[in-house]
Structures are given as C-alpha cells and as structure tokens.
Amino acid sequence: MSKSKWVKTMGGEGLGVGVGVGEIRVLSNQDIDRLVLVLGVHAPSKTCRFTLLHSYTEYATQGDLIIEPVVSGMRYPLVVQGDIEGVVYTDWLGNLVGRLPMPLECGGGVYRGVHRVGGLDAIWDFKASEGNDIRNLSSVLHILYD
C-alpha cells in the first residue's frame, strides 16, 4: 500500500485544486467563520491541512508564530497556531485573503509567542475554545501522509 503525499510547495495551480500552501483563506460552517492558513495540499483527494489564525497576540503561546503586517500584508498581526491542525476538502475553503511565505521561520517580522504555565494560565480557556473551533471546522478525513 503506497502512502499519499502532501504537497509542501507554494501554489496550487498545477495541482488541479486551486489551493496552495501558505494561502490565508476563509473557512466557514453554519456557526463559525475563521481565517485559516493552508499547510499542505493533497491533490488526489482534493483535501488540505490547515491551522487557525487569529489576531490576539497576547494569547500566542511558545508553539505559535506571530506574523507582523510587514510579512503578511494584513492590517494587523496574525497568530499562526502551531499546536493544532485540521483537514478539509479544498472546495470548502472560501476567499483567498492573503499569502504567507512558507516555510515560516522566526526573524524579520516573525516571532514566537511567550511560554505559558499550563492549565492555570488564563489563556487555557481560549486555547480550549480554539480546539473546539478546529474540530467543528474539520471534516472527518483519514489520509495517510508522511
């Protein structure tokens, strides 16, 4: 049995799915509208891996990256949540909002959030809510990848 591979390069034009790694897109369901970052594209199944974005820099943990507007082109800093991922069909993604240079590395307007103390930290409720959002937005897809 062969393993499927996630495309880890920029752009989705040659993949036949119209979605590319590094794209900032809108993802919505009946209750939630969120900005997401596309992390990988699996063309045969027309699915993609994604993580949530938000603008609350004070909630960024050491696993998150804070992206300054000079890098993102947005009007405000973005937080890329490094500790959660989901998978959805590419046609579930909405409008293209922007692009981030991939891979993201610290320096030049990209830096890590601060260390948190765990469950006693006030951020914990926010992170739990983010986990609920990604579960609600994600499809139930099982794809082998490496």
C-alpha atoms as a PDB file:
ATOM      1  CA  MET A   1       0.000   0.000   0.000  1.00  0.00           C
ATOM      2  CA  SER A   2       1.546   3.309  -1.023  1.00  0.00           C
ATOM      3  CA  LYS A   3       1.405   6.406   1.093  1.00  0.00           C
ATOM      4  CA  SER A   4      -0.173   9.550  -0.267  1.00  0.00           C
ATOM      5  CA  LYS A   5       1.953  12.665  -0.099  1.00  0.00           C
ATOM      6  CA  TRP A   6       1.061  16.170   0.940  1.00  0.00           C
ATOM      7  CA  VAL A   7       2.356  18.865  -1.353  1.00  0.00           C
ATOM      8  CA  LYS A   8       4.571  21.185   0.662  1.00  0.00           C
ATOM      9  CA  THR A   9       5.315  23.776  -2.003  1.00  0.00           C
ATOM     10  CA  MET A  10       3.777  27.143  -2.800  1.00  0.00           C
ATOM     11  CA  GLY A  11       0.806  27.452  -5.116  1.00  0.00           C
ATOM     12  CA  GLY A  12      -1.931  25.067  -6.103  1.00  0.00           C
ATOM     13  CA  GLU A  13      -2.273  25.932  -9.763  1.00  0.00           C
ATOM     14  CA  GLY A  14      -0.553  22.785 -11.042  1.00  0.00           C
ATOM     15  CA  LEU A  15      -2.417  20.551  -8.607  1.00  0.00           C
ATOM     16  CA  GLY A  16      -5.855  20.998 -10.121  1.00  0.00           C
ATOM     17  CA  VAL A  17      -7.316  22.067  -6.800  1.00  0.00           C
ATOM     18  CA  GLY A  18      -6.826  25.852  -6.917  1.00  0.00           C
ATOM     19  CA  VAL A  19      -5.493  25.982  -3.345  1.00  0.00           C
ATOM     20  CA  GLY A  20      -1.863  26.451  -2.369  1.00  0.00           C
ATOM     21  CA  VAL A  21       0.342  26.088   0.683  1.00  0.00           C
ATOM     22  CA  GLY A  22       0.780  29.383   2.532  1.00  0.00           C
ATOM     23  CA  GLU A  23      -2.585  30.771   1.493  1.00  0.00           C
ATOM     24  CA  ILE A  24      -4.713  32.582   4.042  1.00  0.00           C
ATOM     25  CA  ARG A  25      -8.316  31.608   3.375  1.00  0.00           C
ATOM     26  CA  VAL A  26     -11.742  31.978   4.943  1.00  0.00           C
ATOM     27  CA  LEU A  27     -13.260  28.758   6.285  1.00  0.00           C
ATOM     28  CA  SER A  28     -16.882  28.754   7.434  1.00  0.00           C
ATOM     29  CA  ASN A  29     -19.565  26.427   8.607  1.00  0.00           C
ATOM     30  CA  GLN A  30     -23.009  27.259   9.961  1.00  0.00           C
ATOM     31  CA  ASP A  31     -21.682  28.729  13.220  1.00  0.00           C
ATOM     32  CA  ILE A  32     -18.051  29.696  12.648  1.00  0.00           C
ATOM     33  CA  ASP A  33     -16.182  31.994  10.253  1.00  0.00           C
ATOM     34  CA  ARG A  34     -12.397  31.820  10.618  1.00  0.00           C
ATOM     35  CA  LEU A  35      -9.202  32.714   8.837  1.00  0.00           C
ATOM     36  CA  VAL A  36      -7.008  29.667   8.239  1.00  0.00           C
ATOM     37  CA  LEU A  37      -3.540  29.013   6.865  1.00  0.00           C
ATOM     38  CA  VAL A  38      -3.161  26.186   4.335  1.00  0.00           C
ATOM     39  CA  LEU A  39      -0.284  23.940   5.468  1.00  0.00           C
ATOM     40  CA  GLY A  40      -0.441  21.145   2.903  1.00  0.00           C
ATOM     41  CA  VAL A  41      -2.476  20.096  -0.115  1.00  0.00           C
ATOM     42  CA  HIS A  42      -3.319  16.534  -1.093  1.00  0.00           C
ATOM     43  CA  ALA A  43      -4.380  16.813  -4.757  1.00  0.00           C
ATOM     44  CA  PRO A  44      -5.721  13.254  -5.322  1.00  0.00           C
ATOM     45  CA  SER A  45      -8.312  13.630  -2.552  1.00  0.00           C
ATOM     46  CA  LYS A  46      -8.732  17.415  -3.002  1.00  0.00           C
ATOM     47  CA  THR A  47      -8.086  17.975   0.692  1.00  0.00           C
ATOM     48  CA  CYS A  48      -5.793  20.258   2.624  1.00  0.00           C
ATOM     49  CA  ARG A  49      -4.261  20.532   6.073  1.00  0.00           C
ATOM     50  CA  PHE A  50      -4.846  23.848   7.814  1.00  0.00           C
ATOM     51  CA  THR A  51      -4.384  25.677  11.069  1.00  0.00           C
ATOM     52  CA  LEU A  52      -6.336  28.528  12.608  1.00  0.00           C
ATOM     53  CA  LEU A  53      -5.237  32.163  12.541  1.00  0.00           C
ATOM     54  CA  HIS A  54      -6.232  34.906  14.944  1.00  0.00           C
ATOM     55  CA  SER A  55      -5.100  38.415  15.854  1.00  0.00           C
ATOM     56  CA  TYR A  56      -4.883  38.128  19.646  1.00  0.00           C
ATOM     57  CA  THR A  57      -1.100  38.356  20.053  1.00  0.00           C
ATOM     58  CA  GLU A  58      -1.440  38.360  23.828  1.00  0.00           C
ATOM     59  CA  TYR A  59      -2.792  34.792  23.526  1.00  0.00           C
ATOM     60  CA  ALA A  60       0.149  33.493  21.486  1.00  0.00           C
ATOM     61  CA  THR A  61       1.991  30.638  23.173  1.00  0.00           C
ATOM     62  CA  GLN A  62       5.505  29.335  22.557  1.00  0.00           C
ATOM     63  CA  GLY A  63       4.090  26.950  19.932  1.00  0.00           C
ATOM     64  CA  ASP A  64       2.558  29.808  17.937  1.00  0.00           C
ATOM     65  CA  LEU A  65       4.133  32.238  15.495  1.00  0.00           C
ATOM     66  CA  ILE A  66       3.240  35.926  15.458  1.00  0.00           C
ATOM     67  CA  ILE A  67       3.376  37.389  11.955  1.00  0.00           C
ATOM     68  CA  GLU A  68       3.758  41.151  11.663  1.00  0.00           C
ATOM     69  CA  PRO A  69       1.840  43.055   8.938  1.00  0.00           C
ATOM     70  CA  VAL A  70       5.077  43.737   7.043  1.00  0.00           C
ATOM     71  CA  VAL A  71       5.265  39.973   6.346  1.00  0.00           C
ATOM     72  CA  SER A  72       1.572  39.142   5.914  1.00  0.00           C
ATOM     73  CA  GLY A  73       0.363  42.254   4.125  1.00  0.00           C
ATOM     74  CA  MET A  74      -2.589  42.342   6.512  1.00  0.00           C
ATOM     75  CA  ARG A  75      -3.501  45.446   8.538  1.00  0.00           C
ATOM     76  CA  TYR A  76      -2.863  43.678  11.854  1.00  0.00           C
ATOM     77  CA  PRO A  77      -0.559  40.992  13.260  1.00  0.00           C
ATOM     78  CA  LEU A  78      -1.610  37.385  12.777  1.00  0.00           C
ATOM     79  CA  VAL A  79      -1.034  34.475  15.123  1.00  0.00           C
ATOM     80  CA  VAL A  80      -0.426  31.130  13.407  1.00  0.00           C
ATOM     81  CA  GLN A  81      -1.395  28.401  15.835  1.00  0.00           C
ATOM     82  CA  GLY A  82       1.350  25.815  15.697  1.00  0.00           C
ATOM     83  CA  ASP A  83      -0.234  23.291  18.009  1.00  0.00           C
ATOM     84  CA  ILE A  84      -3.476  22.463  16.174  1.00  0.00           C
ATOM     85  CA  GLU A  85      -4.291  21.233  12.662  1.00  0.00           C
ATOM     86  CA  GLY A  86      -7.350  20.112  10.768  1.00  0.00           C
ATOM     87  CA  VAL A  87      -8.180  18.649   7.356  1.00  0.00           C
ATOM     88  CA  VAL A  88     -10.928  19.814   4.989  1.00  0.00           C
ATOM     89  CA  TYR A  89     -11.887  19.429   1.360  1.00  0.00           C
ATOM     90  CA  THR A  90     -10.293  22.207  -0.678  1.00  0.00           C
ATOM     91  CA  ASP A  91     -13.664  23.253  -2.075  1.00  0.00           C
ATOM     92  CA  TRP A  92     -14.828  24.019   1.479  1.00  0.00           C
ATOM     93  CA  LEU A  93     -12.334  26.886   1.613  1.00  0.00           C
ATOM     94  CA  GLY A  94     -13.617  30.368   0.911  1.00  0.00           C
ATOM     95  CA  ASN A  95     -11.987  33.513  -0.415  1.00  0.00           C
ATOM     96  CA  LEU A  96      -8.248  33.938  -0.672  1.00  0.00           C
ATOM     97  CA  VAL A  97      -7.317  36.725   1.765  1.00  0.00           C
ATOM     98  CA  GLY A  98      -3.520  36.677   1.523  1.00  0.00           C
ATOM     99  CA  ARG A  99      -0.377  34.565   1.413  1.00  0.00           C
ATOM    100  CA  LEU A 100       2.444  33.873   3.830  1.00  0.00           C
ATOM    101  CA  PRO A 101       5.965  32.887   2.791  1.00  0.00           C
ATOM    102  CA  MET A 102       6.480  29.227   3.594  1.00  0.00           C
ATOM    103  CA  PRO A 103       8.134  27.761   5.492  1.00  0.00           C
ATOM    104  CA  LEU A 104       7.651  30.301   8.263  1.00  0.00           C
ATOM    105  CA  GLU A 105      10.813  30.962  10.226  1.00  0.00           C
ATOM    106  CA  CYS A 106      11.499  33.348  13.109  1.00  0.00           C
ATOM    107  CA  GLY A 107      13.112  36.666  12.232  1.00  0.00           C
ATOM    108  CA  GLY A 108      12.206  39.635  10.061  1.00  0.00           C
ATOM    109  CA  GLY A 109       8.705  40.179  11.460  1.00  0.00           C
ATOM    110  CA  VAL A 110       8.036  36.576  12.546  1.00  0.00           C
ATOM    111  CA  TYR A 111       8.489  35.569  16.177  1.00  0.00           C
ATOM    112  CA  ARG A 112       7.248  33.081  18.778  1.00  0.00           C
ATOM    113  CA  GLY A 113       4.672  33.689  21.464  1.00  0.00           C
ATOM    114  CA  VAL A 114       5.560  33.508  25.145  1.00  0.00           C
ATOM    115  CA  HIS A 115       5.868  30.477  27.411  1.00  0.00           C
ATOM    116  CA  ARG A 116       2.667  29.704  29.308  1.00  0.00           C
ATOM    117  CA  VAL A 117       2.294  27.969  32.645  1.00  0.00           C
ATOM    118  CA  GLY A 118      -0.274  25.403  31.554  1.00  0.00           C
ATOM    119  CA  GLY A 119      -3.808  24.831  32.791  1.00  0.00           C
ATOM    120  CA  LEU A 120      -3.645  27.596  35.391  1.00  0.00           C
ATOM    121  CA  ASP A 121      -2.826  30.236  32.788  1.00  0.00           C
ATOM    122  CA  ALA A 122      -5.753  32.439  31.725  1.00  0.00           C
ATOM    123  CA  ILE A 123      -5.002  31.548  28.095  1.00  0.00           C
ATOM    124  CA  TRP A 124      -6.124  27.964  28.652  1.00  0.00           C
ATOM    125  CA  ASP A 125      -9.845  28.669  28.102  1.00  0.00           C
ATOM    126  CA  PHE A 126      -9.031  30.468  24.848  1.00  0.00           C
ATOM    127  CA  LYS A 127      -6.934  27.544  23.604  1.00  0.00           C
ATOM    128  CA  ALA A 128      -9.695  25.078  24.549  1.00  0.00           C
ATOM    129  CA  SER A 129     -12.169  27.165  22.540  1.00  0.00           C
ATOM    130  CA  GLU A 130      -9.784  27.157  19.558  1.00  0.00           C
ATOM    131  CA  GLY A 131      -9.605  23.363  19.783  1.00  0.00           C
ATOM    132  CA  ASN A 132     -13.391  23.219  19.641  1.00  0.00           C
ATOM    133  CA  ASP A 133     -13.413  25.502  16.592  1.00  0.00           C
ATOM    134  CA  ILE A 134     -10.930  23.388  14.653  1.00  0.00           C
ATOM    135  CA  ARG A 135     -12.871  20.214  15.456  1.00  0.00           C
ATOM    136  CA  ASN A 136     -16.095  21.869  14.278  1.00  0.00           C
ATOM    137  CA  LEU A 137     -14.488  23.113  11.058  1.00  0.00           C
ATOM    138  CA  SER A 138     -12.589  19.940  10.189  1.00  0.00           C
ATOM    139  CA  SER A 139     -14.012  17.158   8.141  1.00  0.00           C
ATOM    140  CA  VAL A 140     -13.652  13.590   9.277  1.00  0.00           C
ATOM    141  CA  LEU A 141     -10.983  12.613   6.774  1.00  0.00           C
ATOM    142  CA  HIS A 142      -8.340   9.969   7.208  1.00  0.00           C
ATOM    143  CA  ILE A 143      -5.457  10.233   4.792  1.00  0.00           C
ATOM    144  CA  LEU A 144      -2.094   8.563   5.045  1.00  0.00           C
ATOM    145  CA  TYR A 145       0.756  11.004   4.661  1.00  0.00           C
ATOM    146  CA  ASP A 146       4.339  11.415   5.717  1.00  0.00           C
END
